[in-house]
Structure formats: structure tokens, C-alpha cells
Amino acid sequence: MDQLGSNALGEVLEPGRVTDCYLGLLLPPGPVGEPEAGTVLVVAPAALLHPGIPQPDGSLLYELLTGHPERQPGELVFVADLTCELRAWPKDTWTKLGVDPEQVARAVIGCWQDGEVVGLQVDDLSFEEARALTRPAMTYVRGQLRGRLTVRLGHTYQRWLHPTGGRRRRPGDRFL
């Protein structure tokens, strides 16, 4: 599956090394006339491998998301972060790879809307935070948002684990 090879430091991706990280996708704004509040959909990396996702694009994003040498468990990553990380490899842009990450994001969102992929919708992003999700250079704002959303994910996960969380879990159930 190693589609990128070695980066400038000789590191290679190990797809699936960190499967318990998260991908954050900016949801498109609602219909005309509704306020344009920023909203993020958080999904597990496995969503990128769903049959409804264009391949090999989805698997390449999965490879970068779960196999990056610096990826940590529980880390929330956005497509703009993956864009920045890709710069360390010889084919340093999505265009050179022939990959459209926005098409993959739209497909994941579509699968979530159809109930085929589990995700967590997080509202109340500021306009600056929403803009940071589409602009790789806005790393500082994305870092602040990542910190805020990671705390929220942790609280939501704890409620999901708690037996009085209102949801009956079965063996093998996953949070996302």
C-alpha cells in the first residue's frame, strides 16, 4: 500500500500504525439564508476505506493519516494538516499524486449523511477556525481548534463509555 515511498528524512509511512486517531472535515454551509456557522465532522480513519469513497485517493489519505511517523493516538487531524505533512515527500502536492482530497472529503460526508459512516458533528466554529481548515498556512488557529475539539472528543468518548450514556453498546462497538 506504500504509495508515497520515503520522505526527505528517509521515513516511510506505516499505514494502520495509529488507527485510533481522527479526521476532521469541514461540513459545507447550510442552505442559502441560514447563518454560516462552521461545523466539523469527526470520523475514524476507517471511513476513508469505505466502498463509497473514491480509491485509491481514500487509501492514500488513510495511509498518510494513520501511518505518519509522528502521528499520535487520539490525535485530531484535518485535511490541511495532511497537505502540510505531504510536503515532506517527493510528490509533495495532491496534484502531483493525482489525488483530490476535497472529493474524498465530500464522499465521506455523503456516506455519513446516508448513515453508512459513523461520525461526530461539532458545531460552533468561528469563521476564522472554519477558514483555517481550508488553508494549510493557518497552523496556529488550527492548533487552537484541535486543542478545543480534542477536549470535546474526550468528554464525548467518556459519556459514550459510561453505562448510563443512554446507548446500549455491544461487543465490538467502536466510538467512531
N, C-alpha and C. Protein backbone atom coordinates (compact mmCIF):
# COMPACT_ATOMS: atom_id res chain seq x y z
N MET A 1 0.82 -1.20 0.00
CA MET A 1 0.00 0.00 0.00
C MET A 1 0.86 1.26 0.00
N ASP A 2 2.15 1.15 0.25
CA ASP A 2 3.05 2.28 0.35
C ASP A 2 3.08 3.06 -0.97
N GLN A 3 2.23 4.08 -1.07
CA GLN A 3 2.10 4.83 -2.30
C GLN A 3 3.04 6.03 -2.38
N LEU A 4 3.62 6.42 -1.24
CA LEU A 4 4.45 7.62 -1.23
C LEU A 4 5.94 7.35 -1.19
N GLY A 5 6.36 6.18 -0.75
CA GLY A 5 7.78 5.90 -0.62
C GLY A 5 8.39 6.63 0.57
N SER A 6 9.68 6.92 0.49
CA SER A 6 10.39 7.58 1.59
C SER A 6 10.28 9.09 1.46
N ASN A 7 10.25 9.77 2.62
CA ASN A 7 10.25 11.22 2.61
C ASN A 7 11.70 11.72 2.60
N ALA A 8 11.90 13.02 2.74
CA ALA A 8 13.23 13.62 2.68
C ALA A 8 14.14 13.11 3.79
N LEU A 9 13.57 12.63 4.89
CA LEU A 9 14.36 12.12 6.01
C LEU A 9 14.54 10.60 5.95
N GLY A 10 14.04 9.99 4.89
CA GLY A 10 14.14 8.54 4.74
C GLY A 10 13.06 7.77 5.49
N GLU A 11 12.09 8.49 6.05
CA GLU A 11 11.00 7.84 6.78
C GLU A 11 9.94 7.34 5.79
N VAL A 12 9.34 6.23 6.12
CA VAL A 12 8.24 5.72 5.31
C VAL A 12 6.99 5.65 6.18
N LEU A 13 5.85 5.70 5.51
CA LEU A 13 4.59 5.59 6.22
C LEU A 13 4.34 4.13 6.59
N GLU A 14 3.71 3.91 7.74
CA GLU A 14 3.28 2.58 8.16
C GLU A 14 1.76 2.62 8.29
N PRO A 15 1.04 2.44 7.18
CA PRO A 15 -0.42 2.53 7.22
C PRO A 15 -1.02 1.64 8.31
N GLY A 16 -1.93 2.21 9.08
CA GLY A 16 -2.58 1.47 10.15
C GLY A 16 -1.82 1.48 11.46
N ARG A 17 -0.67 2.14 11.51
CA ARG A 17 0.12 2.17 12.75
C ARG A 17 -0.67 2.84 13.88
N VAL A 18 -1.39 3.91 13.57
CA VAL A 18 -2.20 4.63 14.56
C VAL A 18 -3.62 4.70 14.03
N THR A 19 -4.42 3.69 14.33
CA THR A 19 -5.80 3.67 13.82
C THR A 19 -6.78 4.41 14.73
N ASP A 20 -6.32 4.76 15.93
CA ASP A 20 -7.22 5.45 16.86
C ASP A 20 -6.97 6.95 16.87
N CYS A 21 -6.73 7.52 15.69
CA CYS A 21 -6.69 8.97 15.54
C CYS A 21 -8.00 9.36 14.85
N TYR A 22 -8.19 10.64 14.58
CA TYR A 22 -9.44 11.11 14.00
C TYR A 22 -9.16 12.06 12.84
N LEU A 23 -10.08 12.09 11.89
CA LEU A 23 -10.02 13.02 10.77
C LEU A 23 -11.16 14.02 10.92
N GLY A 24 -10.83 15.29 10.90
CA GLY A 24 -11.84 16.35 10.98
C GLY A 24 -12.08 16.95 9.61
N LEU A 25 -13.34 16.99 9.19
CA LEU A 25 -13.72 17.52 7.87
C LEU A 25 -14.68 18.68 8.05
N LEU A 26 -14.45 19.75 7.34
CA LEU A 26 -15.34 20.90 7.39
C LEU A 26 -16.61 20.58 6.61
N LEU A 27 -17.75 20.68 7.27
CA LEU A 27 -19.02 20.45 6.59
C LEU A 27 -19.39 21.70 5.79
N PRO A 28 -20.00 21.52 4.62
CA PRO A 28 -20.40 22.69 3.83
C PRO A 28 -21.49 23.47 4.55
N PRO A 29 -21.60 24.77 4.27
CA PRO A 29 -22.65 25.57 4.92
C PRO A 29 -24.03 25.09 4.50
N GLY A 30 -25.02 25.42 5.32
CA GLY A 30 -26.41 25.03 5.04
C GLY A 30 -26.99 25.81 3.87
N PRO A 31 -28.29 25.63 3.63
CA PRO A 31 -28.95 26.32 2.52
C PRO A 31 -28.83 27.85 2.64
N VAL A 32 -29.00 28.53 1.51
CA VAL A 32 -28.93 29.99 1.46
C VAL A 32 -29.95 30.57 2.44
N GLY A 33 -29.54 31.58 3.17
CA GLY A 33 -30.44 32.22 4.12
C GLY A 33 -30.18 31.79 5.55
N GLU A 34 -29.57 30.62 5.74
CA GLU A 34 -29.23 30.17 7.09
C GLU A 34 -27.88 30.75 7.47
N PRO A 35 -27.66 30.99 8.77
CA PRO A 35 -26.35 31.51 9.18
C PRO A 35 -25.25 30.51 8.82
N GLU A 36 -24.11 31.03 8.42
CA GLU A 36 -22.99 30.19 8.03
C GLU A 36 -22.08 29.90 9.22
N ALA A 37 -22.56 29.09 10.14
CA ALA A 37 -21.73 28.69 11.27
C ALA A 37 -20.83 27.56 10.81
N GLY A 38 -19.59 27.55 11.29
CA GLY A 38 -18.68 26.48 10.92
C GLY A 38 -19.02 25.20 11.67
N THR A 39 -18.97 24.09 10.98
CA THR A 39 -19.26 22.80 11.57
C THR A 39 -18.25 21.78 11.07
N VAL A 40 -17.76 20.95 11.99
CA VAL A 40 -16.77 19.93 11.66
C VAL A 40 -17.40 18.56 11.87
N LEU A 41 -17.08 17.65 10.97
CA LEU A 41 -17.44 16.25 11.12
C LEU A 41 -16.16 15.51 11.49
N VAL A 42 -16.19 14.77 12.59
CA VAL A 42 -15.03 13.98 13.02
C VAL A 42 -15.34 12.51 12.77
N VAL A 43 -14.44 11.85 12.03
CA VAL A 43 -14.62 10.44 11.70
C VAL A 43 -13.35 9.66 12.01
N ALA A 44 -13.51 8.35 12.10
CA ALA A 44 -12.36 7.46 12.27
C ALA A 44 -11.68 7.28 10.91
N PRO A 45 -10.39 6.97 10.90
CA PRO A 45 -9.67 6.77 9.63
C PRO A 45 -10.30 5.72 8.72
N ALA A 46 -10.93 4.70 9.31
CA ALA A 46 -11.54 3.63 8.52
C ALA A 46 -12.59 4.17 7.55
N ALA A 47 -13.15 5.34 7.82
CA ALA A 47 -14.14 5.93 6.90
C ALA A 47 -13.53 6.16 5.52
N LEU A 48 -12.23 6.38 5.46
CA LEU A 48 -11.55 6.62 4.18
C LEU A 48 -11.48 5.36 3.31
N LEU A 49 -11.71 4.20 3.92
CA LEU A 49 -11.64 2.93 3.19
C LEU A 49 -13.02 2.39 2.84
N HIS A 50 -14.07 3.13 3.19
CA HIS A 50 -15.45 2.72 2.89
C HIS A 50 -15.62 2.56 1.37
N PRO A 51 -16.42 1.59 0.92
CA PRO A 51 -16.61 1.36 -0.52
C PRO A 51 -17.14 2.58 -1.28
N GLY A 52 -17.80 3.50 -0.60
CA GLY A 52 -18.33 4.69 -1.27
C GLY A 52 -17.31 5.80 -1.47
N ILE A 53 -16.08 5.58 -1.06
CA ILE A 53 -15.04 6.60 -1.15
C ILE A 53 -14.18 6.31 -2.38
N PRO A 54 -13.90 7.33 -3.20
CA PRO A 54 -13.06 7.11 -4.39
C PRO A 54 -11.69 6.57 -4.00
N GLN A 55 -11.29 5.52 -4.68
CA GLN A 55 -9.98 4.91 -4.43
C GLN A 55 -9.15 5.01 -5.69
N PRO A 56 -7.86 5.13 -5.63
CA PRO A 56 -7.01 4.96 -4.46
C PRO A 56 -6.86 6.22 -3.60
N ASP A 57 -7.60 7.28 -3.93
CA ASP A 57 -7.46 8.54 -3.18
C ASP A 57 -7.72 8.36 -1.69
N GLY A 58 -8.81 7.66 -1.35
CA GLY A 58 -9.14 7.45 0.07
C GLY A 58 -8.06 6.67 0.79
N SER A 59 -7.52 5.65 0.14
CA SER A 59 -6.49 4.85 0.80
C SER A 59 -5.19 5.63 0.96
N LEU A 60 -4.91 6.55 0.05
CA LEU A 60 -3.71 7.36 0.22
C LEU A 60 -3.86 8.31 1.40
N LEU A 61 -5.03 8.92 1.57
CA LEU A 61 -5.27 9.76 2.74
C LEU A 61 -5.19 8.92 4.01
N TYR A 62 -5.74 7.71 3.96
CA TYR A 62 -5.68 6.79 5.10
C TYR A 62 -4.22 6.49 5.45
N GLU A 63 -3.42 6.22 4.43
CA GLU A 63 -2.01 5.91 4.63
C GLU A 63 -1.28 7.07 5.33
N LEU A 64 -1.53 8.28 4.87
CA LEU A 64 -0.88 9.45 5.46
C LEU A 64 -1.43 9.73 6.87
N LEU A 65 -2.74 9.55 7.04
CA LEU A 65 -3.37 9.81 8.34
C LEU A 65 -2.92 8.82 9.41
N THR A 66 -2.92 7.55 9.09
CA THR A 66 -2.63 6.53 10.12
C THR A 66 -1.18 6.08 10.16
N GLY A 67 -0.41 6.41 9.12
CA GLY A 67 0.95 5.90 9.05
C GLY A 67 2.04 6.93 9.20
N HIS A 68 1.68 8.19 9.39
CA HIS A 68 2.70 9.23 9.51
C HIS A 68 3.58 8.94 10.73
N PRO A 69 4.91 9.09 10.59
CA PRO A 69 5.82 8.73 11.67
C PRO A 69 5.58 9.50 12.97
N GLU A 70 4.99 10.69 12.89
CA GLU A 70 4.78 11.49 14.10
C GLU A 70 3.35 11.43 14.63
N ARG A 71 2.49 10.63 14.00
CA ARG A 71 1.08 10.57 14.42
C ARG A 71 0.97 9.93 15.80
N GLN A 72 0.10 10.51 16.64
CA GLN A 72 -0.11 10.02 18.00
C GLN A 72 -1.54 9.49 18.15
N PRO A 73 -1.75 8.49 19.01
CA PRO A 73 -3.11 8.01 19.27
C PRO A 73 -3.98 9.15 19.81
N GLY A 74 -5.22 9.19 19.36
CA GLY A 74 -6.17 10.20 19.82
C GLY A 74 -6.01 11.54 19.12
N GLU A 75 -5.05 11.67 18.23
CA GLU A 75 -4.79 12.95 17.56
C GLU A 75 -5.90 13.27 16.56
N LEU A 76 -6.30 14.52 16.54
CA LEU A 76 -7.28 15.02 15.58
C LEU A 76 -6.51 15.71 14.46
N VAL A 77 -6.75 15.26 13.22
CA VAL A 77 -6.02 15.76 12.06
C VAL A 77 -7.03 16.28 11.04
N PHE A 78 -6.68 17.37 10.40
CA PHE A 78 -7.52 17.95 9.36
C PHE A 78 -6.85 17.76 8.00
N VAL A 79 -7.61 17.89 6.92
CA VAL A 79 -7.05 17.72 5.58
C VAL A 79 -5.92 18.72 5.35
N ALA A 80 -6.05 19.94 5.86
CA ALA A 80 -4.98 20.94 5.71
C ALA A 80 -3.69 20.46 6.38
N ASP A 81 -3.81 19.72 7.50
CA ASP A 81 -2.62 19.17 8.15
C ASP A 81 -1.96 18.12 7.26
N LEU A 82 -2.78 17.27 6.65
CA LEU A 82 -2.25 16.25 5.75
C LEU A 82 -1.55 16.90 4.55
N THR A 83 -2.10 18.02 4.09
CA THR A 83 -1.49 18.76 2.99
C THR A 83 -0.10 19.24 3.38
N CYS A 84 0.03 19.76 4.59
CA CYS A 84 1.34 20.22 5.08
C CYS A 84 2.30 19.04 5.25
N GLU A 85 1.82 17.94 5.79
CA GLU A 85 2.68 16.76 6.00
C GLU A 85 3.15 16.16 4.69
N LEU A 86 2.33 16.23 3.68
CA LEU A 86 2.66 15.67 2.37
C LEU A 86 3.88 16.35 1.76
N ARG A 87 4.14 17.57 2.16
CA ARG A 87 5.26 18.33 1.59
C ARG A 87 6.62 17.70 1.86
N ALA A 88 6.71 16.78 2.80
CA ALA A 88 7.98 16.12 3.12
C ALA A 88 8.31 14.99 2.14
N TRP A 89 7.36 14.63 1.29
CA TRP A 89 7.58 13.53 0.34
C TRP A 89 7.90 14.10 -1.05
N PRO A 90 8.59 13.32 -1.89
CA PRO A 90 8.97 13.81 -3.22
C PRO A 90 7.79 14.33 -4.05
N LYS A 91 6.70 13.59 -4.07
CA LYS A 91 5.49 14.09 -4.76
C LYS A 91 4.73 14.89 -3.71
N ASP A 92 5.14 16.14 -3.56
CA ASP A 92 4.75 16.94 -2.40
C ASP A 92 3.41 17.66 -2.49
N THR A 93 2.63 17.39 -3.51
CA THR A 93 1.30 18.01 -3.60
C THR A 93 0.28 16.97 -4.02
N TRP A 94 -0.96 17.25 -3.69
CA TRP A 94 -2.06 16.35 -4.09
C TRP A 94 -2.13 16.27 -5.61
N THR A 95 -1.87 17.39 -6.28
CA THR A 95 -1.94 17.42 -7.74
C THR A 95 -0.91 16.48 -8.36
N LYS A 96 0.32 16.50 -7.84
CA LYS A 96 1.36 15.61 -8.36
C LYS A 96 1.00 14.14 -8.15
N LEU A 97 0.24 13.86 -7.09
CA LEU A 97 -0.20 12.49 -6.82
C LEU A 97 -1.46 12.13 -7.60
N GLY A 98 -2.13 13.15 -8.15
CA GLY A 98 -3.38 12.90 -8.85
C GLY A 98 -4.52 12.61 -7.89
N VAL A 99 -4.45 13.19 -6.69
CA VAL A 99 -5.44 12.95 -5.64
C VAL A 99 -6.22 14.23 -5.38
N ASP A 100 -7.53 14.10 -5.20
CA ASP A 100 -8.38 15.23 -4.86
C ASP A 100 -8.94 15.01 -3.46
N PRO A 101 -8.27 15.57 -2.43
CA PRO A 101 -8.74 15.34 -1.07
C PRO A 101 -10.12 15.93 -0.79
N GLU A 102 -10.50 16.98 -1.52
CA GLU A 102 -11.83 17.56 -1.33
C GLU A 102 -12.91 16.61 -1.83
N GLN A 103 -12.64 15.89 -2.92
CA GLN A 103 -13.59 14.90 -3.41
C GLN A 103 -13.75 13.77 -2.39
N VAL A 104 -12.64 13.36 -1.79
CA VAL A 104 -12.69 12.32 -0.76
C VAL A 104 -13.50 12.82 0.43
N ALA A 105 -13.25 14.08 0.85
CA ALA A 105 -13.99 14.65 1.99
C ALA A 105 -15.49 14.69 1.69
N ARG A 106 -15.86 15.13 0.49
CA ARG A 106 -17.28 15.17 0.12
C ARG A 106 -17.89 13.77 0.14
N ALA A 107 -17.14 12.77 -0.32
CA ALA A 107 -17.64 11.40 -0.32
C ALA A 107 -17.84 10.88 1.10
N VAL A 108 -16.89 11.16 1.99
CA VAL A 108 -17.03 10.74 3.39
C VAL A 108 -18.25 11.41 4.01
N ILE A 109 -18.40 12.70 3.77
CA ILE A 109 -19.55 13.44 4.31
C ILE A 109 -20.85 12.85 3.76
N GLY A 110 -20.87 12.53 2.47
CA GLY A 110 -22.06 11.91 1.87
C GLY A 110 -22.39 10.56 2.51
N CYS A 111 -21.37 9.75 2.75
CA CYS A 111 -21.59 8.45 3.41
C CYS A 111 -22.11 8.66 4.83
N TRP A 112 -21.61 9.68 5.52
CA TRP A 112 -22.09 9.98 6.88
C TRP A 112 -23.55 10.43 6.83
N GLN A 113 -23.88 11.29 5.89
CA GLN A 113 -25.26 11.77 5.76
C GLN A 113 -26.21 10.62 5.44
N ASP A 114 -25.72 9.61 4.72
CA ASP A 114 -26.54 8.44 4.38
C ASP A 114 -26.56 7.39 5.49
N GLY A 115 -25.84 7.65 6.58
CA GLY A 115 -25.82 6.72 7.70
C GLY A 115 -24.89 5.54 7.50
N GLU A 116 -24.00 5.60 6.53
CA GLU A 116 -23.09 4.49 6.24
C GLU A 116 -21.78 4.59 7.02
N VAL A 117 -21.47 5.79 7.50
CA VAL A 117 -20.24 6.05 8.25
C VAL A 117 -20.63 6.75 9.55
N VAL A 118 -20.00 6.34 10.64
CA VAL A 118 -20.25 6.96 11.94
C VAL A 118 -19.36 8.18 12.07
N GLY A 119 -19.94 9.27 12.57
CA GLY A 119 -19.17 10.48 12.76
C GLY A 119 -19.77 11.32 13.87
N LEU A 120 -19.01 12.28 14.32
CA LEU A 120 -19.45 13.20 15.37
C LEU A 120 -19.45 14.59 14.78
N GLN A 121 -20.61 15.24 14.80
CA GLN A 121 -20.74 16.60 14.28
C GLN A 121 -20.48 17.57 15.43
N VAL A 122 -19.58 18.52 15.17
CA VAL A 122 -19.24 19.53 16.18
C VAL A 122 -19.51 20.90 15.57
N ASP A 123 -20.44 21.63 16.20
CA ASP A 123 -20.83 22.95 15.70
C ASP A 123 -20.04 24.04 16.42
N ASP A 124 -20.38 25.24 16.16
CA ASP A 124 -19.92 26.48 16.79
C ASP A 124 -18.47 26.87 16.50
N LEU A 125 -17.99 26.56 15.31
CA LEU A 125 -16.67 27.05 14.92
C LEU A 125 -16.79 28.51 14.52
N SER A 126 -15.77 29.27 14.83
CA SER A 126 -15.76 30.66 14.39
C SER A 126 -15.43 30.68 12.89
N PHE A 127 -15.64 31.82 12.26
CA PHE A 127 -15.31 31.94 10.84
C PHE A 127 -13.82 31.73 10.62
N GLU A 128 -13.00 32.24 11.53
CA GLU A 128 -11.55 32.08 11.40
C GLU A 128 -11.15 30.61 11.52
N GLU A 129 -11.78 29.88 12.45
CA GLU A 129 -11.48 28.45 12.60
C GLU A 129 -11.89 27.67 11.36
N ALA A 130 -13.07 27.98 10.83
CA ALA A 130 -13.54 27.30 9.62
C ALA A 130 -12.59 27.59 8.45
N ARG A 131 -12.14 28.82 8.34
CA ARG A 131 -11.22 29.20 7.27
C ARG A 131 -9.88 28.46 7.42
N ALA A 132 -9.44 28.26 8.67
CA ALA A 132 -8.16 27.58 8.93
C ALA A 132 -8.18 26.13 8.45
N LEU A 133 -9.37 25.54 8.36
CA LEU A 133 -9.47 24.15 7.92
C LEU A 133 -9.27 23.99 6.42
N THR A 134 -9.33 25.09 5.70
CA THR A 134 -9.13 25.03 4.25
C THR A 134 -7.82 25.68 3.82
N ARG A 135 -7.10 26.27 4.76
CA ARG A 135 -5.85 26.97 4.43
C ARG A 135 -4.69 26.39 5.23
N PRO A 136 -3.83 25.62 4.58
CA PRO A 136 -2.72 24.97 5.29
C PRO A 136 -1.84 25.93 6.08
N ALA A 137 -1.70 27.18 5.64
CA ALA A 137 -0.80 28.11 6.32
C ALA A 137 -1.33 28.56 7.69
N MET A 138 -2.59 28.34 7.98
CA MET A 138 -3.18 28.81 9.25
C MET A 138 -3.00 27.76 10.36
N THR A 139 -1.78 27.33 10.57
CA THR A 139 -1.49 26.26 11.53
C THR A 139 -1.79 26.66 12.97
N TYR A 140 -1.57 27.90 13.33
CA TYR A 140 -1.79 28.34 14.71
C TYR A 140 -3.27 28.23 15.08
N VAL A 141 -4.14 28.75 14.24
CA VAL A 141 -5.58 28.70 14.51
C VAL A 141 -6.06 27.24 14.52
N ARG A 142 -5.54 26.44 13.57
CA ARG A 142 -5.92 25.02 13.53
C ARG A 142 -5.47 24.31 14.79
N GLY A 143 -4.31 24.66 15.30
CA GLY A 143 -3.81 24.07 16.55
C GLY A 143 -4.72 24.40 17.73
N GLN A 144 -5.17 25.65 17.79
CA GLN A 144 -6.10 26.04 18.86
C GLN A 144 -7.41 25.27 18.74
N LEU A 145 -7.93 25.18 17.53
CA LEU A 145 -9.17 24.44 17.30
C LEU A 145 -8.99 22.97 17.65
N ARG A 146 -7.85 22.40 17.26
CA ARG A 146 -7.57 21.00 17.56
C ARG A 146 -7.60 20.76 19.07
N GLY A 147 -7.00 21.66 19.83
CA GLY A 147 -7.00 21.53 21.28
C GLY A 147 -8.42 21.56 21.86
N ARG A 148 -9.21 22.50 21.40
CA ARG A 148 -10.59 22.65 21.88
C ARG A 148 -11.43 21.42 21.51
N LEU A 149 -11.32 20.96 20.26
CA LEU A 149 -12.12 19.82 19.83
C LEU A 149 -11.65 18.51 20.45
N THR A 150 -10.35 18.39 20.72
CA THR A 150 -9.84 17.18 21.36
C THR A 150 -10.43 17.03 22.75
N VAL A 151 -10.54 18.13 23.48
CA VAL A 151 -11.17 18.08 24.80
C VAL A 151 -12.63 17.64 24.66
N ARG A 152 -13.33 18.21 23.69
CA ARG A 152 -14.74 17.85 23.49
C ARG A 152 -14.87 16.38 23.09
N LEU A 153 -13.98 15.90 22.23
CA LEU A 153 -13.99 14.48 21.85
C LEU A 153 -13.78 13.59 23.07
N GLY A 154 -12.87 13.99 23.94
CA GLY A 154 -12.60 13.21 25.16
C GLY A 154 -13.83 13.12 26.04
N HIS A 155 -14.52 14.24 26.22
CA HIS A 155 -15.74 14.24 27.04
C HIS A 155 -16.83 13.38 26.40
N THR A 156 -16.99 13.49 25.09
CA THR A 156 -17.99 12.71 24.39
C THR A 156 -17.67 11.22 24.48
N TYR A 157 -16.39 10.88 24.36
CA TYR A 157 -15.97 9.48 24.47
C TYR A 157 -16.26 8.95 25.88
N GLN A 158 -15.99 9.73 26.90
CA GLN A 158 -16.26 9.30 28.28
C GLN A 158 -17.76 9.07 28.49
N ARG A 159 -18.60 9.96 27.94
CA ARG A 159 -20.05 9.75 28.04
C ARG A 159 -20.46 8.49 27.29
N TRP A 160 -19.83 8.22 26.15
CA TRP A 160 -20.13 7.03 25.36
C TRP A 160 -19.78 5.77 26.15
N LEU A 161 -18.67 5.82 26.89
CA LEU A 161 -18.24 4.66 27.67
C LEU A 161 -19.12 4.40 28.89
N HIS A 162 -19.66 5.47 29.47
CA HIS A 162 -20.41 5.34 30.72
C HIS A 162 -21.68 4.53 30.52
N PRO A 163 -21.96 3.59 31.41
CA PRO A 163 -23.14 2.72 31.24
C PRO A 163 -24.47 3.46 31.25
N THR A 164 -24.52 4.66 31.79
CA THR A 164 -25.78 5.41 31.79
C THR A 164 -25.84 6.39 30.63
N GLY A 165 -24.96 6.21 29.64
CA GLY A 165 -24.90 7.12 28.50
C GLY A 165 -26.11 7.05 27.58
N GLY A 166 -27.06 6.19 27.87
CA GLY A 166 -28.29 6.13 27.08
C GLY A 166 -28.16 5.29 25.82
N ARG A 167 -27.03 4.71 25.59
CA ARG A 167 -26.82 3.90 24.39
C ARG A 167 -26.38 2.52 24.83
N ARG A 168 -26.97 1.54 24.27
CA ARG A 168 -26.59 0.16 24.58
C ARG A 168 -25.46 -0.27 23.66
N ARG A 169 -24.32 -0.52 24.23
CA ARG A 169 -23.18 -0.95 23.43
C ARG A 169 -23.12 -2.46 23.36
N ARG A 170 -22.67 -2.92 22.24
CA ARG A 170 -22.49 -4.36 22.03
C ARG A 170 -20.99 -4.63 21.90
N PRO A 171 -20.57 -5.86 22.17
CA PRO A 171 -19.14 -6.18 21.99
C PRO A 171 -18.71 -5.81 20.56
N GLY A 172 -17.58 -5.16 20.47
CA GLY A 172 -17.05 -4.78 19.17
C GLY A 172 -17.49 -3.40 18.70
N ASP A 173 -18.44 -2.75 19.41
CA ASP A 173 -18.84 -1.40 19.05
C ASP A 173 -17.65 -0.46 19.14
N ARG A 174 -17.57 0.45 18.19
CA ARG A 174 -16.50 1.45 18.20
C ARG A 174 -17.10 2.82 18.44
N PHE A 175 -16.34 3.68 19.08
CA PHE A 175 -16.78 5.04 19.35
C PHE A 175 -17.05 5.77 18.03
N LEU A 176 -16.09 5.76 17.15
CA LEU A 176 -16.25 6.36 15.81
C LEU A 176 -15.73 5.38 14.79
